[in-house]
Amino acid sequence: MLKVNSTNSNADSVGTYGCWTSFADISKVKLSIVPTPILIRVIKSTPTPMAKMHTITCLKGKASKKISGINPQCPKGYKIKK
């Protein structure tokens, strides 16, 4: 934001629309920069729940395998132990 400070005490130097009436008035103007506040929006993210690990036992004849994972499946030819 830009703020205009005039050193001229004559109130008539500024027209009705905020325009300067002469070049002499413009040379007496001091410009100062006024910092504007910066708005920051904080977004809170909710952590996603971790998927549970499952372990199943798969059988093929006398052989058995333990498979673990989020969605475990028995390999081809193996059946899940109940």
PDB file of N, CA and C in Angstrom:
ATOM      1  N   MET A   1       0.859  -1.161   0.000  1.00  0.00           N
ATOM      2  CA  MET A   1       0.000   0.000   0.000  1.00  0.00           C
ATOM      3  C   MET A   1       0.906   1.225   0.000  1.00  0.00           C
ATOM      4  N   LEU A   2       0.543   2.247  -0.722  1.00  0.00           N
ATOM      5  CA  LEU A   2       1.330   3.460  -0.842  1.00  0.00           C
ATOM      6  C   LEU A   2       0.601   4.589  -0.139  1.00  0.00           C
ATOM      7  N   LYS A   3       1.295   5.267   0.749  1.00  0.00           N
ATOM      8  CA  LYS A   3       0.693   6.367   1.492  1.00  0.00           C
ATOM      9  C   LYS A   3       1.368   7.658   1.043  1.00  0.00           C
ATOM     10  N   VAL A   4       0.571   8.680   0.777  1.00  0.00           N
ATOM     11  CA  VAL A   4       1.101   9.964   0.312  1.00  0.00           C
ATOM     12  C   VAL A   4       1.022  10.970   1.454  1.00  0.00           C
ATOM     13  N   ASN A   5       2.202  11.542   1.801  1.00  0.00           N
ATOM     14  CA  ASN A   5       2.257  12.592   2.817  1.00  0.00           C
ATOM     15  C   ASN A   5       2.659  13.884   2.122  1.00  0.00           C
ATOM     16  N   SER A   6       1.857  14.903   2.251  1.00  0.00           N
ATOM     17  CA  SER A   6       2.154  16.188   1.630  1.00  0.00           C
ATOM     18  C   SER A   6       2.762  17.119   2.675  1.00  0.00           C
ATOM     19  N   THR A   7       3.850  17.814   2.281  1.00  0.00           N
ATOM     20  CA  THR A   7       4.462  18.778   3.187  1.00  0.00           C
ATOM     21  C   THR A   7       3.805  20.137   3.043  1.00  0.00           C
ATOM     22  N   ASN A   8       2.969  20.302   2.035  1.00  0.00           N
ATOM     23  CA  ASN A   8       2.288  21.563   1.787  1.00  0.00           C
ATOM     24  C   ASN A   8       1.057  21.628   2.684  1.00  0.00           C
ATOM     25  N   SER A   9       0.952  22.653   3.493  1.00  0.00           N
ATOM     26  CA  SER A   9      -0.185  22.782   4.400  1.00  0.00           C
ATOM     27  C   SER A   9      -1.411  23.368   3.711  1.00  0.00           C
ATOM     28  N   ASN A  10      -1.265  23.805   2.474  1.00  0.00           N
ATOM     29  CA  ASN A  10      -2.374  24.385   1.737  1.00  0.00           C
ATOM     30  C   ASN A  10      -3.327  23.271   1.304  1.00  0.00           C
ATOM     31  N   ALA A  11      -4.528  23.255   1.824  1.00  0.00           N
ATOM     32  CA  ALA A  11      -5.500  22.212   1.517  1.00  0.00           C
ATOM     33  C   ALA A  11      -6.073  22.369   0.119  1.00  0.00           C
ATOM     34  N   ASP A  12      -5.908  23.536  -0.506  1.00  0.00           N
ATOM     35  CA  ASP A  12      -6.455  23.765  -1.830  1.00  0.00           C
ATOM     36  C   ASP A  12      -5.613  23.146  -2.931  1.00  0.00           C
ATOM     37  N   SER A  13      -4.428  22.652  -2.599  1.00  0.00           N
ATOM     38  CA  SER A  13      -3.565  22.112  -3.637  1.00  0.00           C
ATOM     39  C   SER A  13      -4.095  20.783  -4.178  1.00  0.00           C
ATOM     40  N   VAL A  14      -4.954  20.111  -3.436  1.00  0.00           N
ATOM     41  CA  VAL A  14      -5.534  18.853  -3.897  1.00  0.00           C
ATOM     42  C   VAL A  14      -6.926  19.152  -4.404  1.00  0.00           C
ATOM     43  N   GLY A  15      -7.204  18.731  -5.632  1.00  0.00           N
ATOM     44  CA  GLY A  15      -8.509  18.968  -6.239  1.00  0.00           C
ATOM     45  C   GLY A  15      -9.576  18.080  -5.623  1.00  0.00           C
ATOM     46  N   THR A  16     -10.785  18.178  -6.145  1.00  0.00           N
ATOM     47  CA  THR A  16     -11.901  17.430  -5.580  1.00  0.00           C
ATOM     48  C   THR A  16     -11.767  15.931  -5.829  1.00  0.00           C
ATOM     49  N   TYR A  17     -11.022  15.529  -6.856  1.00  0.00           N
ATOM     50  CA  TYR A  17     -10.865  14.114  -7.161  1.00  0.00           C
ATOM     51  C   TYR A  17      -9.529  13.584  -6.668  1.00  0.00           C
ATOM     52  N   GLY A  18      -8.826  14.294  -5.809  1.00  0.00           N
ATOM     53  CA  GLY A  18      -7.554  13.849  -5.298  1.00  0.00           C
ATOM     54  C   GLY A  18      -6.411  14.089  -6.268  1.00  0.00           C
ATOM     55  N   CYS A  19      -6.607  14.933  -7.290  1.00  0.00           N
ATOM     56  CA  CYS A  19      -5.571  15.224  -8.275  1.00  0.00           C
ATOM     57  C   CYS A  19      -4.821  16.478  -7.864  1.00  0.00           C
ATOM     58  N   TRP A  20      -3.538  16.510  -8.178  1.00  0.00           N
ATOM     59  CA  TRP A  20      -2.739  17.695  -7.879  1.00  0.00           C
ATOM     60  C   TRP A  20      -3.013  18.756  -8.933  1.00  0.00           C
ATOM     61  N   THR A  21      -3.060  20.009  -8.505  1.00  0.00           N
ATOM     62  CA  THR A  21      -3.419  21.084  -9.422  1.00  0.00           C
ATOM     63  C   THR A  21      -2.211  21.696 -10.107  1.00  0.00           C
ATOM     64  N   SER A  22      -1.023  21.547  -9.550  1.00  0.00           N
ATOM     65  CA  SER A  22       0.155  22.112 -10.201  1.00  0.00           C
ATOM     66  C   SER A  22       1.360  21.219  -9.953  1.00  0.00           C
ATOM     67  N   PHE A  23       2.391  21.391 -10.789  1.00  0.00           N
ATOM     68  CA  PHE A  23       3.608  20.589 -10.666  1.00  0.00           C
ATOM     69  C   PHE A  23       4.370  20.934  -9.394  1.00  0.00           C
ATOM     70  N   ALA A  24       4.257  22.158  -8.901  1.00  0.00           N
ATOM     71  CA  ALA A  24       4.939  22.567  -7.669  1.00  0.00           C
ATOM     72  C   ALA A  24       4.435  21.758  -6.479  1.00  0.00           C
ATOM     73  N   ASP A  25       3.157  21.402  -6.492  1.00  0.00           N
ATOM     74  CA  ASP A  25       2.610  20.601  -5.402  1.00  0.00           C
ATOM     75  C   ASP A  25       3.148  19.170  -5.442  1.00  0.00           C
ATOM     76  N   ILE A  26       3.379  18.644  -6.624  1.00  0.00           N
ATOM     77  CA  ILE A  26       3.860  17.273  -6.768  1.00  0.00           C
ATOM     78  C   ILE A  26       5.277  17.144  -6.222  1.00  0.00           C
ATOM     79  N   SER A  27       6.104  18.156  -6.405  1.00  0.00           N
ATOM     80  CA  SER A  27       7.491  18.077  -5.961  1.00  0.00           C
ATOM     81  C   SER A  27       7.611  18.079  -4.441  1.00  0.00           C
ATOM     82  N   LYS A  28       6.573  18.485  -3.722  1.00  0.00           N
ATOM     83  CA  LYS A  28       6.614  18.537  -2.264  1.00  0.00           C
ATOM     84  C   LYS A  28       6.011  17.293  -1.611  1.00  0.00           C
ATOM     85  N   VAL A  29       5.713  16.280  -2.403  1.00  0.00           N
ATOM     86  CA  VAL A  29       5.070  15.071  -1.887  1.00  0.00           C
ATOM     87  C   VAL A  29       6.130  14.075  -1.448  1.00  0.00           C
ATOM     88  N   LYS A  30       5.932  13.488  -0.271  1.00  0.00           N
ATOM     89  CA  LYS A  30       6.802  12.424   0.214  1.00  0.00           C
ATOM     90  C   LYS A  30       6.027  11.115   0.096  1.00  0.00           C
ATOM     91  N   LEU A  31       6.661  10.121  -0.483  1.00  0.00           N
ATOM     92  CA  LEU A  31       6.035   8.815  -0.610  1.00  0.00           C
ATOM     93  C   LEU A  31       6.652   7.884   0.420  1.00  0.00           C
ATOM     94  N   SER A  32       5.813   7.206   1.142  1.00  0.00           N
ATOM     95  CA  SER A  32       6.306   6.221   2.094  1.00  0.00           C
ATOM     96  C   SER A  32       5.527   4.927   1.894  1.00  0.00           C
ATOM     97  N   ILE A  33       6.219   3.815   2.032  1.00  0.00           N
ATOM     98  CA  ILE A  33       5.598   2.515   1.836  1.00  0.00           C
ATOM     99  C   ILE A  33       5.153   1.992   3.202  1.00  0.00           C
ATOM    100  N   VAL A  34       3.871   1.686   3.279  1.00  0.00           N
ATOM    101  CA  VAL A  34       3.296   1.166   4.506  1.00  0.00           C
ATOM    102  C   VAL A  34       3.089  -0.332   4.292  1.00  0.00           C
ATOM    103  N   PRO A  35       3.676  -1.174   5.154  1.00  0.00           N
ATOM    104  CA  PRO A  35       3.504  -2.621   4.946  1.00  0.00           C
ATOM    105  C   PRO A  35       2.066  -3.050   5.192  1.00  0.00           C
ATOM    106  N   THR A  36       1.564  -3.903   4.301  1.00  0.00           N
ATOM    107  CA  THR A  36       0.221  -4.435   4.467  1.00  0.00           C
ATOM    108  C   THR A  36       0.324  -5.804   5.118  1.00  0.00           C
ATOM    109  N   PRO A  37      -0.599  -6.135   5.983  1.00  0.00           N
ATOM    110  CA  PRO A  37      -0.525  -7.440   6.644  1.00  0.00           C
ATOM    111  C   PRO A  37      -0.762  -8.570   5.641  1.00  0.00           C
ATOM    112  N   ILE A  38      -0.038  -9.655   5.807  1.00  0.00           N
ATOM    113  CA  ILE A  38      -0.168 -10.813   4.942  1.00  0.00           C
ATOM    114  C   ILE A  38      -0.990 -11.854   5.692  1.00  0.00           C
ATOM    115  N   LEU A  39      -2.045 -12.316   5.056  1.00  0.00           N
ATOM    116  CA  LEU A  39      -2.908 -13.310   5.670  1.00  0.00           C
ATOM    117  C   LEU A  39      -2.445 -14.698   5.240  1.00  0.00           C
ATOM    118  N   ILE A  40      -2.230 -15.560   6.218  1.00  0.00           N
ATOM    119  CA  ILE A  40      -1.791 -16.916   5.941  1.00  0.00           C
ATOM    120  C   ILE A  40      -2.864 -17.871   6.438  1.00  0.00           C
ATOM    121  N   ARG A  41      -3.283 -18.759   5.577  1.00  0.00           N
ATOM    122  CA  ARG A  41      -4.310 -19.725   5.938  1.00  0.00           C
ATOM    123  C   ARG A  41      -3.615 -21.043   6.265  1.00  0.00           C
ATOM    124  N   VAL A  42      -3.864 -21.535   7.461  1.00  0.00           N
ATOM    125  CA  VAL A  42      -3.260 -22.774   7.907  1.00  0.00           C
ATOM    126  C   VAL A  42      -4.260 -23.902   7.679  1.00  0.00           C
ATOM    127  N   ILE A  43      -3.826 -24.890   6.955  1.00  0.00           N
ATOM    128  CA  ILE A  43      -4.680 -26.037   6.677  1.00  0.00           C
ATOM    129  C   ILE A  43      -4.122 -27.219   7.451  1.00  0.00           C
ATOM    130  N   LYS A  44      -4.945 -27.751   8.348  1.00  0.00           N
ATOM    131  CA  LYS A  44      -4.523 -28.901   9.125  1.00  0.00           C
ATOM    132  C   LYS A  44      -4.948 -30.163   8.386  1.00  0.00           C
ATOM    133  N   SER A  45      -3.991 -31.026   8.130  1.00  0.00           N
ATOM    134  CA  SER A  45      -4.302 -32.267   7.451  1.00  0.00           C
ATOM    135  C   SER A  45      -4.462 -33.375   8.480  1.00  0.00           C
ATOM    136  N   THR A  46      -5.450 -34.193   8.258  1.00  0.00           N
ATOM    137  CA  THR A  46      -5.656 -35.309   9.156  1.00  0.00           C
ATOM    138  C   THR A  46      -4.870 -36.494   8.624  1.00  0.00           C
ATOM    139  N   PRO A  47      -4.129 -37.173   9.474  1.00  0.00           N
ATOM    140  CA  PRO A  47      -3.349 -38.308   8.990  1.00  0.00           C
ATOM    141  C   PRO A  47      -4.260 -39.447   8.565  1.00  0.00           C
ATOM    142  N   THR A  48      -3.896 -40.102   7.466  1.00  0.00           N
ATOM    143  CA  THR A  48      -4.695 -41.222   7.004  1.00  0.00           C
ATOM    144  C   THR A  48      -4.389 -42.431   7.876  1.00  0.00           C
ATOM    145  N   PRO A  49      -5.398 -43.178   8.246  1.00  0.00           N
ATOM    146  CA  PRO A  49      -5.152 -44.334   9.103  1.00  0.00           C
ATOM    147  C   PRO A  49      -4.344 -45.392   8.357  1.00  0.00           C
ATOM    148  N   MET A  50      -3.405 -45.995   9.065  1.00  0.00           N
ATOM    149  CA  MET A  50      -2.579 -47.038   8.472  1.00  0.00           C
ATOM    150  C   MET A  50      -3.409 -48.310   8.319  1.00  0.00           C
ATOM    151  N   ALA A  51      -3.226 -48.991   7.195  1.00  0.00           N
ATOM    152  CA  ALA A  51      -3.938 -50.241   6.971  1.00  0.00           C
ATOM    153  C   ALA A  51      -3.296 -51.331   7.823  1.00  0.00           C
ATOM    154  N   LYS A  52      -4.117 -52.213   8.338  1.00  0.00           N
ATOM    155  CA  LYS A  52      -3.618 -53.296   9.185  1.00  0.00           C
ATOM    156  C   LYS A  52      -2.958 -54.371   8.330  1.00  0.00           C
ATOM    157  N   MET A  53      -1.873 -54.905   8.839  1.00  0.00           N
ATOM    158  CA  MET A  53      -1.202 -56.034   8.199  1.00  0.00           C
ATOM    159  C   MET A  53      -1.877 -57.313   8.678  1.00  0.00           C
ATOM    160  N   HIS A  54      -2.162 -58.207   7.767  1.00  0.00           N
ATOM    161  CA  HIS A  54      -2.783 -59.491   8.083  1.00  0.00           C
ATOM    162  C   HIS A  54      -1.815 -60.600   7.688  1.00  0.00           C
ATOM    163  N   THR A  55      -1.861 -61.689   8.408  1.00  0.00           N
ATOM    164  CA  THR A  55      -1.057 -62.859   8.082  1.00  0.00           C
ATOM    165  C   THR A  55      -1.994 -64.049   7.926  1.00  0.00           C
ATOM    166  N   ILE A  56      -1.839 -64.750   6.804  1.00  0.00           N
ATOM    167  CA  ILE A  56      -2.633 -65.954   6.562  1.00  0.00           C
ATOM    168  C   ILE A  56      -1.674 -67.117   6.344  1.00  0.00           C
ATOM    169  N   THR A  57      -2.168 -68.318   6.549  1.00  0.00           N
ATOM    170  CA  THR A  57      -1.388 -69.523   6.305  1.00  0.00           C
ATOM    171  C   THR A  57      -2.012 -70.242   5.123  1.00  0.00           C
ATOM    172  N   CYS A  58      -1.181 -70.562   4.143  1.00  0.00           N
ATOM    173  CA  CYS A  58      -1.646 -71.242   2.943  1.00  0.00           C
ATOM    174  C   CYS A  58      -1.063 -72.655   2.922  1.00  0.00           C
ATOM    175  N   LEU A  59      -1.878 -73.648   2.541  1.00  0.00           N
ATOM    176  CA  LEU A  59      -1.462 -75.054   2.519  1.00  0.00           C
ATOM    177  C   LEU A  59      -1.547 -75.632   1.117  1.00  0.00           C
ATOM    178  N   LYS A  60      -0.532 -76.507   0.802  1.00  0.00           N
ATOM    179  CA  LYS A  60      -0.549 -77.265  -0.447  1.00  0.00           C
ATOM    180  C   LYS A  60       0.044 -78.628  -0.093  1.00  0.00           C
ATOM    181  N   GLY A  61      -0.829 -79.572   0.091  1.00  0.00           N
ATOM    182  CA  GLY A  61      -0.375 -80.887   0.558  1.00  0.00           C
ATOM    183  C   GLY A  61       0.146 -80.761   1.973  1.00  0.00           C
ATOM    184  N   LYS A  62       1.466 -81.120   2.193  1.00  0.00           N
ATOM    185  CA  LYS A  62       2.070 -80.992   3.517  1.00  0.00           C
ATOM    186  C   LYS A  62       2.834 -79.678   3.665  1.00  0.00           C
ATOM    187  N   ALA A  63       3.015 -78.944   2.562  1.00  0.00           N
ATOM    188  CA  ALA A  63       3.762 -77.674   2.600  1.00  0.00           C
ATOM    189  C   ALA A  63       2.835 -76.545   3.041  1.00  0.00           C
ATOM    190  N   SER A  64       3.386 -75.625   3.795  1.00  0.00           N
ATOM    191  CA  SER A  64       2.593 -74.467   4.217  1.00  0.00           C
ATOM    192  C   SER A  64       3.438 -73.209   4.054  1.00  0.00           C
ATOM    193  N   LYS A  65       2.770 -72.129   3.764  1.00  0.00           N
ATOM    194  CA  LYS A  65       3.424 -70.818   3.619  1.00  0.00           C
ATOM    195  C   LYS A  65       2.635 -69.812   4.425  1.00  0.00           C
ATOM    196  N   LYS A  66       3.373 -68.917   5.066  1.00  0.00           N
ATOM    197  CA  LYS A  66       2.715 -67.807   5.756  1.00  0.00           C
ATOM    198  C   LYS A  66       2.890 -66.571   4.876  1.00  0.00           C
ATOM    199  N   ILE A  67       1.763 -65.964   4.540  1.00  0.00           N
ATOM    200  CA  ILE A  67       1.751 -64.776   3.692  1.00  0.00           C
ATOM    201  C   ILE A  67       1.225 -63.624   4.530  1.00  0.00           C
ATOM    202  N   SER A  68       1.946 -62.493   4.524  1.00  0.00           N
ATOM    203  CA  SER A  68       1.484 -61.320   5.272  1.00  0.00           C
ATOM    204  C   SER A  68       1.425 -60.124   4.327  1.00  0.00           C
ATOM    205  N   GLY A  69       0.499 -59.225   4.635  1.00  0.00           N
ATOM    206  CA  GLY A  69       0.327 -58.033   3.823  1.00  0.00           C
ATOM    207  C   GLY A  69      -0.997 -57.371   4.147  1.00  0.00           C
ATOM    208  N   ILE A  70      -1.306 -56.319   3.411  1.00  0.00           N
ATOM    209  CA  ILE A  70      -2.554 -55.600   3.630  1.00  0.00           C
ATOM    210  C   ILE A  70      -3.726 -56.432   3.120  1.00  0.00           C
ATOM    211  N   ASN A  71      -3.572 -57.020   1.934  1.00  0.00           N
ATOM    212  CA  ASN A  71      -4.599 -57.886   1.352  1.00  0.00           C
ATOM    213  C   ASN A  71      -3.904 -59.156   0.859  1.00  0.00           C
ATOM    214  N   PRO A  72      -3.531 -60.063   1.785  1.00  0.00           N
ATOM    215  CA  PRO A  72      -2.767 -61.239   1.362  1.00  0.00           C
ATOM    216  C   PRO A  72      -3.631 -62.248   0.604  1.00  0.00           C
ATOM    217  N   GLN A  73      -3.009 -62.913  -0.386  1.00  0.00           N
ATOM    218  CA  GLN A  73      -3.683 -63.954  -1.159  1.00  0.00           C
ATOM    219  C   GLN A  73      -2.733 -65.133  -1.278  1.00  0.00           C
ATOM    220  N   CYS A  74      -3.310 -66.307  -1.296  1.00  0.00           N
ATOM    221  CA  CYS A  74      -2.493 -67.521  -1.440  1.00  0.00           C
ATOM    222  C   CYS A  74      -2.003 -67.644  -2.882  1.00  0.00           C
ATOM    223  N   PRO A  75      -0.770 -68.170  -3.041  1.00  0.00           N
ATOM    224  CA  PRO A  75      -0.262 -68.404  -4.411  1.00  0.00           C
ATOM    225  C   PRO A  75      -1.095 -69.472  -5.125  1.00  0.00           C
ATOM    226  N   LYS A  76      -0.884 -69.578  -6.426  1.00  0.00           N
ATOM    227  CA  LYS A  76      -1.628 -70.545  -7.229  1.00  0.00           C
ATOM    228  C   LYS A  76      -1.373 -71.955  -6.711  1.00  0.00           C
ATOM    229  N   GLY A  77      -2.447 -72.708  -6.566  1.00  0.00           N
ATOM    230  CA  GLY A  77      -2.326 -74.093  -6.101  1.00  0.00           C
ATOM    231  C   GLY A  77      -2.421 -74.240  -4.602  1.00  0.00           C
ATOM    232  N   TYR A  78      -2.298 -73.170  -3.853  1.00  0.00           N
ATOM    233  CA  TYR A  78      -2.377 -73.213  -2.387  1.00  0.00           C
ATOM    234  C   TYR A  78      -3.805 -72.857  -1.957  1.00  0.00           C
ATOM    235  N   LYS A  79      -4.191 -73.415  -0.828  1.00  0.00           N
ATOM    236  CA  LYS A  79      -5.514 -73.103  -0.251  1.00  0.00           C
ATOM    237  C   LYS A  79      -5.297 -72.503   1.117  1.00  0.00           C
ATOM    238  N   ILE A  80      -6.186 -71.577   1.508  1.00  0.00           N
ATOM    239  CA  ILE A  80      -6.060 -70.900   2.800  1.00  0.00           C
ATOM    240  C   ILE A  80      -6.434 -71.856   3.925  1.00  0.00           C
ATOM    241  N   LYS A  81      -5.657 -71.844   4.977  1.00  0.00           N
ATOM    242  CA  LYS A  81      -5.931 -72.683   6.156  1.00  0.00           C
ATOM    243  C   LYS A  81      -7.031 -72.007   6.958  1.00  0.00           C
ATOM    244  N   LYS A  82      -8.061 -72.780   7.304  1.00  0.00           N
ATOM    245  CA  LYS A  82      -9.182 -72.217   8.052  1.00  0.00           C
ATOM    246  C   LYS A  82      -9.093 -72.556   9.513  1.00  0.00           C
TER     247      LYS A  82
END
